[in-house]
Every structure is written in C-alpha cells, then in structure tokens.
Amino acid sequence: MALRQAVTRLLIADDVGIGKTIEALLILRELLERGTIKTFAVLCPPHLCEQWQNELSDKLDMKQ
C-alpha cells in the first residue's frame, strides 16, 4: 500500500515486537532502490535514536 501512494507518508505504530522496524526498512529500501526518494526522516522517541541509526547503518549501508 505504501509503495502505491503518490507521496509516501507513513505512521507505523503497534505493540512492541510486532515488526515495525522491519516493515519500515523494507519500504524504505524499496523506495531508495526505485529512485523514488533521495532523503527521508525517521521520527522516534529520543531513547530509540541510536537503535534506528544502527539499523539504518546495518541494513541499508547508510552512514550516520
């Protein structure tokens, strides 16, 4: 559904351990590979910033 939107804006919210990070990274990777986006923003609570930076670095080969 996210990949069919003209402008992709998502809010992924669910219980802990349901796979929000994986879902977001899969969508993000696809949009980057298609060349649909060049930049993006991840909004998260401050205590999760380092986790997100690590995930982006590990899974998408992105520098912090």
C-alpha atoms as a PDB file:
ATOM      1  CA  MET A   1       0.000   0.000   0.000  1.00  0.00           C
ATOM      2  CA  ALA A   2       2.794   2.434   0.891  1.00  0.00           C
ATOM      3  CA  LEU A   3       4.537   1.891  -2.445  1.00  0.00           C
ATOM      4  CA  ARG A   4       1.389   2.826  -4.391  1.00  0.00           C
ATOM      5  CA  GLN A   5       0.998   6.268  -2.801  1.00  0.00           C
ATOM      6  CA  ALA A   6       1.982   9.307  -4.849  1.00  0.00           C
ATOM      7  CA  VAL A   7       3.640  10.766  -1.760  1.00  0.00           C
ATOM      8  CA  THR A   8       4.641   8.181   0.825  1.00  0.00           C
ATOM      9  CA  ARG A   9       3.936   9.269   4.376  1.00  0.00           C
ATOM     10  CA  LEU A  10       3.600   6.551   6.948  1.00  0.00           C
ATOM     11  CA  LEU A  11       2.927   6.254  10.623  1.00  0.00           C
ATOM     12  CA  ILE A  12       3.737   2.750  11.769  1.00  0.00           C
ATOM     13  CA  ALA A  13       2.572   2.127  15.318  1.00  0.00           C
ATOM     14  CA  ASP A  14       1.897  -1.155  17.063  1.00  0.00           C
ATOM     15  CA  ASP A  15       2.829  -3.195  20.107  1.00  0.00           C
ATOM     16  CA  VAL A  16       6.444  -3.953  20.961  1.00  0.00           C
ATOM     17  CA  GLY A  17       7.946  -6.769  18.905  1.00  0.00           C
ATOM     18  CA  ILE A  18       5.422  -6.724  16.061  1.00  0.00           C
ATOM     19  CA  GLY A  19       7.975  -5.760  13.368  1.00  0.00           C
ATOM     20  CA  LYS A  20       7.607  -2.003  12.877  1.00  0.00           C
ATOM     21  CA  THR A  21      11.327  -1.521  12.232  1.00  0.00           C
ATOM     22  CA  ILE A  22      11.474  -4.326   9.674  1.00  0.00           C
ATOM     23  CA  GLU A  23       8.364  -3.056   7.878  1.00  0.00           C
ATOM     24  CA  ALA A  24       9.733   0.489   7.729  1.00  0.00           C
ATOM     25  CA  LEU A  25      13.144  -0.682   6.486  1.00  0.00           C
ATOM     26  CA  LEU A  26      11.599  -2.845   3.752  1.00  0.00           C
ATOM     27  CA  ILE A  27       9.528   0.074   2.464  1.00  0.00           C
ATOM     28  CA  LEU A  28      12.451   2.463   2.742  1.00  0.00           C
ATOM     29  CA  ARG A  29      14.827   0.134   0.893  1.00  0.00           C
ATOM     30  CA  GLU A  30      12.335  -0.358  -1.946  1.00  0.00           C
ATOM     31  CA  LEU A  31      11.755   3.386  -2.332  1.00  0.00           C
ATOM     32  CA  LEU A  32      15.513   4.037  -2.356  1.00  0.00           C
ATOM     33  CA  GLU A  33      16.175   1.266  -4.907  1.00  0.00           C
ATOM     34  CA  ARG A  34      13.425   2.569  -7.192  1.00  0.00           C
ATOM     35  CA  GLY A  35      14.939   6.033  -7.000  1.00  0.00           C
ATOM     36  CA  THR A  36      11.609   7.370  -5.772  1.00  0.00           C
ATOM     37  CA  ILE A  37      13.250   9.081  -2.802  1.00  0.00           C
ATOM     38  CA  LYS A  38      16.655  10.501  -2.029  1.00  0.00           C
ATOM     39  CA  THR A  39      16.072  11.630   1.551  1.00  0.00           C
ATOM     40  CA  PHE A  40      13.821  10.561   4.391  1.00  0.00           C
ATOM     41  CA  ALA A  41      13.162  11.233   8.050  1.00  0.00           C
ATOM     42  CA  VAL A  42      12.607   8.830  10.914  1.00  0.00           C
ATOM     43  CA  LEU A  43      10.737  10.297  13.864  1.00  0.00           C
ATOM     44  CA  CYS A  44      11.116   8.304  17.033  1.00  0.00           C
ATOM     45  CA  PRO A  45      11.442   8.803  20.775  1.00  0.00           C
ATOM     46  CA  PRO A  46      14.913  10.006  21.832  1.00  0.00           C
ATOM     47  CA  HIS A  47      15.778   6.726  23.537  1.00  0.00           C
ATOM     48  CA  LEU A  48      15.369   4.892  20.192  1.00  0.00           C
ATOM     49  CA  CYS A  49      17.546   7.203  18.060  1.00  0.00           C
ATOM     50  CA  GLU A  50      20.716   5.160  18.445  1.00  0.00           C
ATOM     51  CA  GLN A  51      18.830   1.933  17.666  1.00  0.00           C
ATOM     52  CA  TRP A  52      17.442   3.455  14.463  1.00  0.00           C
ATOM     53  CA  GLN A  53      20.854   4.783  13.434  1.00  0.00           C
ATOM     54  CA  ASN A  54      22.332   1.322  13.924  1.00  0.00           C
ATOM     55  CA  GLU A  55      19.522  -0.360  11.982  1.00  0.00           C
ATOM     56  CA  LEU A  56      19.849   2.070   9.066  1.00  0.00           C
ATOM     57  CA  SER A  57      23.597   1.625   9.026  1.00  0.00           C
ATOM     58  CA  ASP A  58      23.460  -2.171   9.247  1.00  0.00           C
ATOM     59  CA  LYS A  59      20.517  -2.888   6.978  1.00  0.00           C
ATOM     60  CA  LEU A  60      20.798  -0.138   4.363  1.00  0.00           C
ATOM     61  CA  ASP A  61      24.546   0.556   4.408  1.00  0.00           C
ATOM     62  CA  MET A  62      23.883   4.174   5.354  1.00  0.00           C
ATOM     63  CA  LYS A  63      26.328   6.370   7.208  1.00  0.00           C
ATOM     64  CA  GLN A  64      25.169   8.002  10.433  1.00  0.00           C
END
